[in-house]
Amino acid sequence: MKNYVVVILFFFITIGYAATDPTMPADWNLQMQASRIPKDIILSGILTSNHKAIAVINAKNVRVGDVISGYEITKITQHAVYLKNNHGSIMVPLYSQVSVPIKD
């Protein structure tokens, strides 16, 4: 009986895990973040190497601690840049989900 419970739990866990996009950061929430990213912040790329990280925002290379468009860079990961100002913190993802309508 115990084995059946484990198998059933494993089945439901794998279904829930498959519903997430493994290429996005763990704390990624598309609807919430898309509405909060300022229009004047354009993230073009992220470079990471040996505990160093550089992001390209608005065609400028920035590091943690730099300020751009009134936001301080607080964290740079492989997938996103975290910004902070006196109104709060936001995450700017490198990639966003893109939907393109298909014509039949």
PDB file of N, CA and C in Angstrom:
ATOM      1  N   MET A   1       0.825  -1.202   0.000  1.00  0.00           N
ATOM      2  CA  MET A   1       0.000   0.000   0.000  1.00  0.00           C
ATOM      3  C   MET A   1       0.866   1.262   0.000  1.00  0.00           C
ATOM      4  N   LYS A   2       1.932   1.223   0.784  1.00  0.00           N
ATOM      5  CA  LYS A   2       2.817   2.377   0.885  1.00  0.00           C
ATOM      6  C   LYS A   2       3.460   2.690  -0.465  1.00  0.00           C
ATOM      7  N   ASN A   3       3.799   1.653  -1.215  1.00  0.00           N
ATOM      8  CA  ASN A   3       4.407   1.851  -2.533  1.00  0.00           C
ATOM      9  C   ASN A   3       3.440   2.532  -3.497  1.00  0.00           C
ATOM     10  N   TYR A   4       2.162   2.197  -3.418  1.00  0.00           N
ATOM     11  CA  TYR A   4       1.167   2.824  -4.288  1.00  0.00           C
ATOM     12  C   TYR A   4       1.040   4.318  -4.003  1.00  0.00           C
ATOM     13  N   VAL A   5       1.067   4.667  -2.729  1.00  0.00           N
ATOM     14  CA  VAL A   5       0.974   6.076  -2.347  1.00  0.00           C
ATOM     15  C   VAL A   5       2.173   6.845  -2.893  1.00  0.00           C
ATOM     16  N   VAL A   6       3.351   6.269  -2.800  1.00  0.00           N
ATOM     17  CA  VAL A   6       4.557   6.919  -3.306  1.00  0.00           C
ATOM     18  C   VAL A   6       4.474   7.100  -4.818  1.00  0.00           C
ATOM     19  N   VAL A   7       4.004   6.089  -5.528  1.00  0.00           N
ATOM     20  CA  VAL A   7       3.877   6.173  -6.989  1.00  0.00           C
ATOM     21  C   VAL A   7       2.864   7.242  -7.380  1.00  0.00           C
ATOM     22  N   ILE A   8       1.753   7.300  -6.698  1.00  0.00           N
ATOM     23  CA  ILE A   8       0.727   8.306  -7.004  1.00  0.00           C
ATOM     24  C   ILE A   8       1.251   9.709  -6.716  1.00  0.00           C
ATOM     25  N   LEU A   9       1.928   9.901  -5.594  1.00  0.00           N
ATOM     26  CA  LEU A   9       2.509  11.210  -5.282  1.00  0.00           C
ATOM     27  C   LEU A   9       3.547  11.610  -6.321  1.00  0.00           C
ATOM     28  N   PHE A  10       4.376  10.677  -6.732  1.00  0.00           N
ATOM     29  CA  PHE A  10       5.384  10.959  -7.755  1.00  0.00           C
ATOM     30  C   PHE A  10       4.713  11.386  -9.058  1.00  0.00           C
ATOM     31  N   PHE A  11       3.612  10.739  -9.417  1.00  0.00           N
ATOM     32  CA  PHE A  11       2.878  11.082 -10.635  1.00  0.00           C
ATOM     33  C   PHE A  11       2.392  12.531 -10.592  1.00  0.00           C
ATOM     34  N   PHE A  12       1.800  12.953  -9.490  1.00  0.00           N
ATOM     35  CA  PHE A  12       1.293  14.321  -9.382  1.00  0.00           C
ATOM     36  C   PHE A  12       2.419  15.353  -9.308  1.00  0.00           C
ATOM     37  N   ILE A  13       3.513  14.999  -8.678  1.00  0.00           N
ATOM     38  CA  ILE A  13       4.649  15.921  -8.607  1.00  0.00           C
ATOM     39  C   ILE A  13       5.218  16.169  -9.995  1.00  0.00           C
ATOM     40  N   THR A  14       5.349  15.124 -10.810  1.00  0.00           N
ATOM     41  CA  THR A  14       5.907  15.303 -12.155  1.00  0.00           C
ATOM     42  C   THR A  14       4.982  16.123 -13.040  1.00  0.00           C
ATOM     43  N   ILE A  15       3.687  15.994 -12.867  1.00  0.00           N
ATOM     44  CA  ILE A  15       2.750  16.811 -13.648  1.00  0.00           C
ATOM     45  C   ILE A  15       2.911  18.283 -13.277  1.00  0.00           C
ATOM     46  N   GLY A  16       2.986  18.587 -12.007  1.00  0.00           N
ATOM     47  CA  GLY A  16       3.160  19.970 -11.565  1.00  0.00           C
ATOM     48  C   GLY A  16       4.493  20.547 -11.993  1.00  0.00           C
ATOM     49  N   TYR A  17       5.532  19.743 -11.974  1.00  0.00           N
ATOM     50  CA  TYR A  17       6.856  20.222 -12.372  1.00  0.00           C
ATOM     51  C   TYR A  17       6.899  20.498 -13.871  1.00  0.00           C
ATOM     52  N   ALA A  18       6.234  19.687 -14.656  1.00  0.00           N
ATOM     53  CA  ALA A  18       6.237  19.867 -16.108  1.00  0.00           C
ATOM     54  C   ALA A  18       5.497  21.128 -16.524  1.00  0.00           C
ATOM     55  N   ALA A  19       4.645  21.652 -15.672  1.00  0.00           N
ATOM     56  CA  ALA A  19       3.884  22.854 -16.010  1.00  0.00           C
ATOM     57  C   ALA A  19       4.735  24.117 -15.949  1.00  0.00           C
ATOM     58  N   THR A  20       5.911  24.057 -15.350  1.00  0.00           N
ATOM     59  CA  THR A  20       6.772  25.231 -15.262  1.00  0.00           C
ATOM     60  C   THR A  20       7.772  25.234 -16.405  1.00  0.00           C
ATOM     61  N   ASP A  21       8.249  26.402 -16.755  1.00  0.00           N
ATOM     62  CA  ASP A  21       9.239  26.547 -17.817  1.00  0.00           C
ATOM     63  C   ASP A  21      10.628  26.461 -17.196  1.00  0.00           C
ATOM     64  N   PRO A  22      11.396  25.415 -17.496  1.00  0.00           N
ATOM     65  CA  PRO A  22      12.698  25.242 -16.853  1.00  0.00           C
ATOM     66  C   PRO A  22      13.744  26.267 -17.272  1.00  0.00           C
ATOM     67  N   THR A  23      13.481  27.032 -18.321  1.00  0.00           N
ATOM     68  CA  THR A  23      14.458  28.030 -18.762  1.00  0.00           C
ATOM     69  C   THR A  23      14.303  29.362 -18.044  1.00  0.00           C
ATOM     70  N   MET A  24      13.248  29.545 -17.304  1.00  0.00           N
ATOM     71  CA  MET A  24      13.016  30.797 -16.587  1.00  0.00           C
ATOM     72  C   MET A  24      13.544  30.696 -15.158  1.00  0.00           C
ATOM     73  N   PRO A  25      13.930  31.801 -14.573  1.00  0.00           N
ATOM     74  CA  PRO A  25      14.370  31.788 -13.176  1.00  0.00           C
ATOM     75  C   PRO A  25      13.257  31.303 -12.257  1.00  0.00           C
ATOM     76  N   ALA A  26      13.642  30.759 -11.117  1.00  0.00           N
ATOM     77  CA  ALA A  26      12.660  30.184 -10.199  1.00  0.00           C
ATOM     78  C   ALA A  26      11.642  31.206  -9.723  1.00  0.00           C
ATOM     79  N   ASP A  27      12.032  32.463  -9.574  1.00  0.00           N
ATOM     80  CA  ASP A  27      11.113  33.478  -9.063  1.00  0.00           C
ATOM     81  C   ASP A  27      10.448  34.283 -10.169  1.00  0.00           C
ATOM     82  N   TRP A  28      10.407  33.748 -11.363  1.00  0.00           N
ATOM     83  CA  TRP A  28       9.844  34.436 -12.516  1.00  0.00           C
ATOM     84  C   TRP A  28       8.320  34.368 -12.496  1.00  0.00           C
ATOM     85  N   ASN A  29       7.661  35.478 -12.673  1.00  0.00           N
ATOM     86  CA  ASN A  29       6.212  35.555 -12.786  1.00  0.00           C
ATOM     87  C   ASN A  29       5.925  36.527 -13.916  1.00  0.00           C
ATOM     88  N   LEU A  30       5.568  36.017 -15.079  1.00  0.00           N
ATOM     89  CA  LEU A  30       5.464  36.816 -16.300  1.00  0.00           C
ATOM     90  C   LEU A  30       4.470  37.961 -16.182  1.00  0.00           C
ATOM     91  N   GLN A  31       3.266  37.696 -15.734  1.00  0.00           N
ATOM     92  CA  GLN A  31       2.251  38.748 -15.708  1.00  0.00           C
ATOM     93  C   GLN A  31       2.617  39.856 -14.728  1.00  0.00           C
ATOM     94  N   MET A  32       3.086  39.494 -13.553  1.00  0.00           N
ATOM     95  CA  MET A  32       3.431  40.501 -12.559  1.00  0.00           C
ATOM     96  C   MET A  32       4.633  41.322 -13.021  1.00  0.00           C
ATOM     97  N   GLN A  33       5.657  40.671 -13.534  1.00  0.00           N
ATOM     98  CA  GLN A  33       6.873  41.370 -13.908  1.00  0.00           C
ATOM     99  C   GLN A  33       6.702  42.221 -15.154  1.00  0.00           C
ATOM    100  N   ALA A  34       5.971  41.730 -16.137  1.00  0.00           N
ATOM    101  CA  ALA A  34       5.819  42.475 -17.389  1.00  0.00           C
ATOM    102  C   ALA A  34       5.168  43.827 -17.156  1.00  0.00           C
ATOM    103  N   SER A  35       4.268  43.903 -16.209  1.00  0.00           N
ATOM    104  CA  SER A  35       3.587  45.169 -15.954  1.00  0.00           C
ATOM    105  C   SER A  35       4.449  46.135 -15.135  1.00  0.00           C
ATOM    106  N   ARG A  36       5.479  45.626 -14.457  1.00  0.00           N
ATOM    107  CA  ARG A  36       6.288  46.465 -13.577  1.00  0.00           C
ATOM    108  C   ARG A  36       7.592  46.939 -14.201  1.00  0.00           C
ATOM    109  N   ILE A  37       8.021  46.363 -15.312  1.00  0.00           N
ATOM    110  CA  ILE A  37       9.297  46.748 -15.914  1.00  0.00           C
ATOM    111  C   ILE A  37       9.142  48.102 -16.590  1.00  0.00           C
ATOM    112  N   PRO A  38       9.953  49.081 -16.197  1.00  0.00           N
ATOM    113  CA  PRO A  38       9.857  50.409 -16.811  1.00  0.00           C
ATOM    114  C   PRO A  38      10.188  50.353 -18.299  1.00  0.00           C
ATOM    115  N   LYS A  39       9.511  51.179 -19.069  1.00  0.00           N
ATOM    116  CA  LYS A  39       9.719  51.205 -20.519  1.00  0.00           C
ATOM    117  C   LYS A  39      11.107  51.711 -20.891  1.00  0.00           C
ATOM    118  N   ASP A  40      11.747  52.482 -20.008  1.00  0.00           N
ATOM    119  CA  ASP A  40      13.069  53.021 -20.333  1.00  0.00           C
ATOM    120  C   ASP A  40      14.211  52.104 -19.895  1.00  0.00           C
ATOM    121  N   ILE A  41      13.900  50.882 -19.468  1.00  0.00           N
ATOM    122  CA  ILE A  41      14.915  49.884 -19.125  1.00  0.00           C
ATOM    123  C   ILE A  41      14.875  48.798 -20.195  1.00  0.00           C
ATOM    124  N   ILE A  42      15.943  48.709 -20.983  1.00  0.00           N
ATOM    125  CA  ILE A  42      16.021  47.698 -22.039  1.00  0.00           C
ATOM    126  C   ILE A  42      17.250  46.837 -21.773  1.00  0.00           C
ATOM    127  N   LEU A  43      17.012  45.596 -21.358  1.00  0.00           N
ATOM    128  CA  LEU A  43      18.088  44.650 -21.077  1.00  0.00           C
ATOM    129  C   LEU A  43      18.422  43.896 -22.355  1.00  0.00           C
ATOM    130  N   SER A  44      19.654  44.057 -22.840  1.00  0.00           N
ATOM    131  CA  SER A  44      20.071  43.439 -24.102  1.00  0.00           C
ATOM    132  C   SER A  44      20.909  42.188 -23.908  1.00  0.00           C
ATOM    133  N   GLY A  45      21.613  42.089 -22.784  1.00  0.00           N
ATOM    134  CA  GLY A  45      22.468  40.928 -22.584  1.00  0.00           C
ATOM    135  C   GLY A  45      23.039  40.876 -21.188  1.00  0.00           C
ATOM    136  N   ILE A  46      23.522  39.682 -20.833  1.00  0.00           N
ATOM    137  CA  ILE A  46      24.154  39.460 -19.538  1.00  0.00           C
ATOM    138  C   ILE A  46      25.406  38.618 -19.774  1.00  0.00           C
ATOM    139  N   LEU A  47      26.516  39.046 -19.187  1.00  0.00           N
ATOM    140  CA  LEU A  47      27.773  38.310 -19.263  1.00  0.00           C
ATOM    141  C   LEU A  47      28.190  37.935 -17.849  1.00  0.00           C
ATOM    142  N   THR A  48      28.449  36.639 -17.611  1.00  0.00           N
ATOM    143  CA  THR A  48      28.902  36.202 -16.296  1.00  0.00           C
ATOM    144  C   THR A  48      30.166  35.368 -16.452  1.00  0.00           C
ATOM    145  N   SER A  49      31.112  35.553 -15.524  1.00  0.00           N
ATOM    146  CA  SER A  49      32.358  34.800 -15.557  1.00  0.00           C
ATOM    147  C   SER A  49      33.066  34.936 -14.219  1.00  0.00           C
ATOM    148  N   ASN A  50      33.445  33.813 -13.624  1.00  0.00           N
ATOM    149  CA  ASN A  50      34.236  33.810 -12.387  1.00  0.00           C
ATOM    150  C   ASN A  50      33.709  34.777 -11.326  1.00  0.00           C
ATOM    151  N   HIS A  51      32.460  34.649 -10.981  1.00  0.00           N
ATOM    152  CA  HIS A  51      31.828  35.474  -9.949  1.00  0.00           C
ATOM    153  C   HIS A  51      31.747  36.947 -10.324  1.00  0.00           C
ATOM    154  N   LYS A  52      31.891  37.268 -11.591  1.00  0.00           N
ATOM    155  CA  LYS A  52      31.717  38.636 -12.067  1.00  0.00           C
ATOM    156  C   LYS A  52      30.546  38.636 -13.038  1.00  0.00           C
ATOM    157  N   ALA A  53      29.782  39.714 -13.025  1.00  0.00           N
ATOM    158  CA  ALA A  53      28.631  39.801 -13.922  1.00  0.00           C
ATOM    159  C   ALA A  53      28.501  41.221 -14.458  1.00  0.00           C
ATOM    160  N   ILE A  54      28.204  41.291 -15.739  1.00  0.00           N
ATOM    161  CA  ILE A  54      27.965  42.571 -16.405  1.00  0.00           C
ATOM    162  C   ILE A  54      26.670  42.432 -17.189  1.00  0.00           C
ATOM    163  N   ALA A  55      25.814  43.427 -17.083  1.00  0.00           N
ATOM    164  CA  ALA A  55      24.581  43.451 -17.868  1.00  0.00           C
ATOM    165  C   ALA A  55      24.660  44.608 -18.854  1.00  0.00           C
ATOM    166  N   VAL A  56      24.015  44.432 -19.983  1.00  0.00           N
ATOM    167  CA  VAL A  56      23.936  45.503 -20.975  1.00  0.00           C
ATOM    168  C   VAL A  56      22.515  46.049 -20.916  1.00  0.00           C
ATOM    169  N   ILE A  57      22.383  47.248 -20.343  1.00  0.00           N
ATOM    170  CA  ILE A  57      21.082  47.908 -20.215  1.00  0.00           C
ATOM    171  C   ILE A  57      21.173  49.249 -20.922  1.00  0.00           C
ATOM    172  N   ASN A  58      20.228  49.478 -21.815  1.00  0.00           N
ATOM    173  CA  ASN A  58      20.194  50.730 -22.589  1.00  0.00           C
ATOM    174  C   ASN A  58      21.535  50.988 -23.276  1.00  0.00           C
ATOM    175  N   ALA A  59      22.121  49.930 -23.828  1.00  0.00           N
ATOM    176  CA  ALA A  59      23.386  49.978 -24.578  1.00  0.00           C
ATOM    177  C   ALA A  59      24.580  50.396 -23.715  1.00  0.00           C
ATOM    178  N   LYS A  60      24.475  50.229 -22.385  1.00  0.00           N
ATOM    179  CA  LYS A  60      25.584  50.546 -21.479  1.00  0.00           C
ATOM    180  C   LYS A  60      25.907  49.321 -20.635  1.00  0.00           C
ATOM    181  N   ASN A  61      27.191  49.075 -20.406  1.00  0.00           N
ATOM    182  CA  ASN A  61      27.606  47.995 -19.523  1.00  0.00           C
ATOM    183  C   ASN A  61      27.450  48.449 -18.075  1.00  0.00           C
ATOM    184  N   VAL A  62      26.728  47.660 -17.277  1.00  0.00           N
ATOM    185  CA  VAL A  62      26.494  48.003 -15.874  1.00  0.00           C
ATOM    186  C   VAL A  62      26.847  46.814 -14.988  1.00  0.00           C
ATOM    187  N   ARG A  63      27.225  47.127 -13.749  1.00  0.00           N
ATOM    188  CA  ARG A  63      27.562  46.115 -12.743  1.00  0.00           C
ATOM    189  C   ARG A  63      26.711  46.357 -11.500  1.00  0.00           C
ATOM    190  N   VAL A  64      26.759  45.414 -10.580  1.00  0.00           N
ATOM    191  CA  VAL A  64      26.051  45.571  -9.307  1.00  0.00           C
ATOM    192  C   VAL A  64      26.564  46.837  -8.623  1.00  0.00           C
ATOM    193  N   GLY A  65      25.629  47.665  -8.177  1.00  0.00           N
ATOM    194  CA  GLY A  65      25.965  48.926  -7.526  1.00  0.00           C
ATOM    195  C   GLY A  65      25.813  50.132  -8.436  1.00  0.00           C
ATOM    196  N   ASP A  66      25.837  49.911  -9.760  1.00  0.00           N
ATOM    197  CA  ASP A  66      25.641  51.020 -10.695  1.00  0.00           C
ATOM    198  C   ASP A  66      24.187  51.484 -10.668  1.00  0.00           C
ATOM    199  N   VAL A  67      23.957  52.710 -11.094  1.00  0.00           N
ATOM    200  CA  VAL A  67      22.606  53.272 -11.171  1.00  0.00           C
ATOM    201  C   VAL A  67      22.322  53.620 -12.624  1.00  0.00           C
ATOM    202  N   ILE A  68      21.144  53.205 -13.100  1.00  0.00           N
ATOM    203  CA  ILE A  68      20.727  53.529 -14.461  1.00  0.00           C
ATOM    204  C   ILE A  68      19.236  53.844 -14.454  1.00  0.00           C
ATOM    205  N   SER A  69      18.870  54.951 -15.044  1.00  0.00           N
ATOM    206  CA  SER A  69      17.475  55.417 -15.104  1.00  0.00           C
ATOM    207  C   SER A  69      16.827  55.476 -13.724  1.00  0.00           C
ATOM    208  N   GLY A  70      17.604  55.837 -12.713  1.00  0.00           N
ATOM    209  CA  GLY A  70      17.062  55.966 -11.364  1.00  0.00           C
ATOM    210  C   GLY A  70      16.973  54.666 -10.587  1.00  0.00           C
ATOM    211  N   TYR A  71      17.454  53.558 -11.148  1.00  0.00           N
ATOM    212  CA  TYR A  71      17.423  52.256 -10.483  1.00  0.00           C
ATOM    213  C   TYR A  71      18.838  51.798 -10.163  1.00  0.00           C
ATOM    214  N   GLU A  72      19.029  51.286  -8.958  1.00  0.00           N
ATOM    215  CA  GLU A  72      20.317  50.707  -8.590  1.00  0.00           C
ATOM    216  C   GLU A  72      20.314  49.227  -8.958  1.00  0.00           C
ATOM    217  N   ILE A  73      21.397  48.757  -9.557  1.00  0.00           N
ATOM    218  CA  ILE A  73      21.541  47.343  -9.884  1.00  0.00           C
ATOM    219  C   ILE A  73      21.920  46.624  -8.587  1.00  0.00           C
ATOM    220  N   THR A  74      21.062  45.700  -8.123  1.00  0.00           N
ATOM    221  CA  THR A  74      21.329  45.006  -6.867  1.00  0.00           C
ATOM    222  C   THR A  74      21.841  43.588  -7.072  1.00  0.00           C
ATOM    223  N   LYS A  75      21.509  42.975  -8.214  1.00  0.00           N
ATOM    224  CA  LYS A  75      21.915  41.590  -8.451  1.00  0.00           C
ATOM    225  C   LYS A  75      21.854  41.319  -9.947  1.00  0.00           C
ATOM    226  N   ILE A  76      22.828  40.554 -10.448  1.00  0.00           N
ATOM    227  CA  ILE A  76      22.828  40.131 -11.847  1.00  0.00           C
ATOM    228  C   ILE A  76      23.024  38.621 -11.855  1.00  0.00           C
ATOM    229  N   THR A  77      22.081  37.901 -12.459  1.00  0.00           N
ATOM    230  CA  THR A  77      22.199  36.453 -12.612  1.00  0.00           C
ATOM    231  C   THR A  77      22.299  36.139 -14.097  1.00  0.00           C
ATOM    232  N   GLN A  78      22.389  34.868 -14.434  1.00  0.00           N
ATOM    233  CA  GLN A  78      22.469  34.473 -15.838  1.00  0.00           C
ATOM    234  C   GLN A  78      21.195  34.807 -16.602  1.00  0.00           C
ATOM    235  N   HIS A  79      20.076  34.911 -15.891  1.00  0.00           N
ATOM    236  CA  HIS A  79      18.790  35.073 -16.553  1.00  0.00           C
ATOM    237  C   HIS A  79      18.091  36.402 -16.305  1.00  0.00           C
ATOM    238  N   ALA A  80      18.585  37.200 -15.360  1.00  0.00           N
ATOM    239  CA  ALA A  80      17.848  38.417 -15.012  1.00  0.00           C
ATOM    240  C   ALA A  80      18.738  39.426 -14.300  1.00  0.00           C
ATOM    241  N   VAL A  81      18.246  40.666 -14.281  1.00  0.00           N
ATOM    242  CA  VAL A  81      18.891  41.745 -13.536  1.00  0.00           C
ATOM    243  C   VAL A  81      17.870  42.265 -12.527  1.00  0.00           C
ATOM    244  N   TYR A  82      18.312  42.453 -11.293  1.00  0.00           N
ATOM    245  CA  TYR A  82      17.442  42.929 -10.226  1.00  0.00           C
ATOM    246  C   TYR A  82      17.756  44.393  -9.959  1.00  0.00           C
ATOM    247  N   LEU A  83      16.712  45.207  -9.950  1.00  0.00           N
ATOM    248  CA  LEU A  83      16.847  46.652  -9.791  1.00  0.00           C
ATOM    249  C   LEU A  83      16.081  47.110  -8.557  1.00  0.00           C
ATOM    250  N   LYS A  84      16.534  48.231  -7.977  1.00  0.00           N
ATOM    251  CA  LYS A  84      15.865  48.764  -6.791  1.00  0.00           C
ATOM    252  C   LYS A  84      15.876  50.285  -6.865  1.00  0.00           C
ATOM    253  N   ASN A  85      14.746  50.875  -6.494  1.00  0.00           N
ATOM    254  CA  ASN A  85      14.690  52.326  -6.273  1.00  0.00           C
ATOM    255  C   ASN A  85      13.840  52.559  -5.028  1.00  0.00           C
ATOM    256  N   ASN A  86      13.503  53.803  -4.738  1.00  0.00           N
ATOM    257  CA  ASN A  86      12.750  54.073  -3.510  1.00  0.00           C
ATOM    258  C   ASN A  86      11.297  53.602  -3.575  1.00  0.00           C
ATOM    259  N   HIS A  87      10.840  53.105  -4.722  1.00  0.00           N
ATOM    260  CA  HIS A  87       9.480  52.566  -4.847  1.00  0.00           C
ATOM    261  C   HIS A  87       9.443  51.053  -4.695  1.00  0.00           C
ATOM    262  N   GLY A  88      10.609  50.400  -4.686  1.00  0.00           N
ATOM    263  CA  GLY A  88      10.645  48.951  -4.535  1.00  0.00           C
ATOM    264  C   GLY A  88      11.651  48.300  -5.463  1.00  0.00           C
ATOM    265  N   SER A  89      11.589  46.981  -5.506  1.00  0.00           N
ATOM    266  CA  SER A  89      12.510  46.192  -6.323  1.00  0.00           C
ATOM    267  C   SER A  89      11.765  45.522  -7.462  1.00  0.00           C
ATOM    268  N   ILE A  90      12.474  45.343  -8.581  1.00  0.00           N
ATOM    269  CA  ILE A  90      11.909  44.631  -9.724  1.00  0.00           C
ATOM    270  C   ILE A  90      12.971  43.714 -10.308  1.00  0.00           C
ATOM    271  N   MET A  91      12.515  42.709 -11.041  1.00  0.00           N
ATOM    272  CA  MET A  91      13.398  41.815 -11.762  1.00  0.00           C
ATOM    273  C   MET A  91      13.151  42.020 -13.250  1.00  0.00           C
ATOM    274  N   VAL A  92      14.216  42.241 -14.009  1.00  0.00           N
ATOM    275  CA  VAL A  92      14.106  42.392 -15.457  1.00  0.00           C
ATOM    276  C   VAL A  92      14.697  41.130 -16.078  1.00  0.00           C
ATOM    277  N   PRO A  93      13.867  40.276 -16.682  1.00  0.00           N
ATOM    278  CA  PRO A  93      14.377  39.031 -17.258  1.00  0.00           C
ATOM    279  C   PRO A  93      15.096  39.287 -18.576  1.00  0.00           C
ATOM    280  N   LEU A  94      16.080  38.449 -18.866  1.00  0.00           N
ATOM    281  CA  LEU A  94      16.778  38.553 -20.138  1.00  0.00           C
ATOM    282  C   LEU A  94      15.864  38.113 -21.268  1.00  0.00           C
ATOM    283  N   TYR A  95      15.105  37.067 -21.034  1.00  0.00           N
ATOM    284  CA  TYR A  95      14.192  36.549 -22.049  1.00  0.00           C
ATOM    285  C   TYR A  95      12.774  36.625 -21.526  1.00  0.00           C
ATOM    286  N   SER A  96      11.858  36.965 -22.391  1.00  0.00           N
ATOM    287  CA  SER A  96      10.444  36.924 -22.040  1.00  0.00           C
ATOM    288  C   SER A  96       9.760  35.966 -22.994  1.00  0.00           C
ATOM    289  N   GLN A  97       8.624  35.482 -22.579  1.00  0.00           N
ATOM    290  CA  GLN A  97       7.885  34.581 -23.450  1.00  0.00           C
ATOM    291  C   GLN A  97       7.299  35.379 -24.596  1.00  0.00           C
ATOM    292  N   VAL A  98       7.411  34.836 -25.778  1.00  0.00           N
ATOM    293  CA  VAL A  98       6.921  35.517 -26.967  1.00  0.00           C
ATOM    294  C   VAL A  98       5.812  34.682 -27.578  1.00  0.00           C
ATOM    295  N   SER A  99       4.692  35.314 -27.861  1.00  0.00           N
ATOM    296  CA  SER A  99       3.580  34.639 -28.517  1.00  0.00           C
ATOM    297  C   SER A  99       3.356  35.276 -29.874  1.00  0.00           C
ATOM    298  N   VAL A 100       3.328  34.448 -30.888  1.00  0.00           N
ATOM    299  CA  VAL A 100       3.095  34.937 -32.242  1.00  0.00           C
ATOM    300  C   VAL A 100       1.883  34.202 -32.789  1.00  0.00           C
ATOM    301  N   PRO A 101       0.853  34.933 -33.224  1.00  0.00           N
ATOM    302  CA  PRO A 101      -0.314  34.255 -33.779  1.00  0.00           C
ATOM    303  C   PRO A 101       0.052  33.533 -35.073  1.00  0.00           C
ATOM    304  N   ILE A 102      -0.531  32.375 -35.244  1.00  0.00           N
ATOM    305  CA  ILE A 102      -0.290  31.580 -36.452  1.00  0.00           C
ATOM    306  C   ILE A 102      -1.512  31.686 -37.341  1.00  0.00           C
ATOM    307  N   LYS A 103      -1.281  32.040 -38.595  1.00  0.00           N
ATOM    308  CA  LYS A 103      -2.383  32.126 -39.554  1.00  0.00           C
ATOM    309  C   LYS A 103      -2.544  30.783 -40.242  1.00  0.00           C
ATOM    310  N   ASP A 104      -3.791  30.346 -40.331  1.00  0.00           N
ATOM    311  CA  ASP A 104      -4.073  29.066 -41.003  1.00  0.00           C
ATOM    312  C   ASP A 104      -4.066  29.216 -42.493  1.00  0.00           C
TER     313      ASP A 104
END
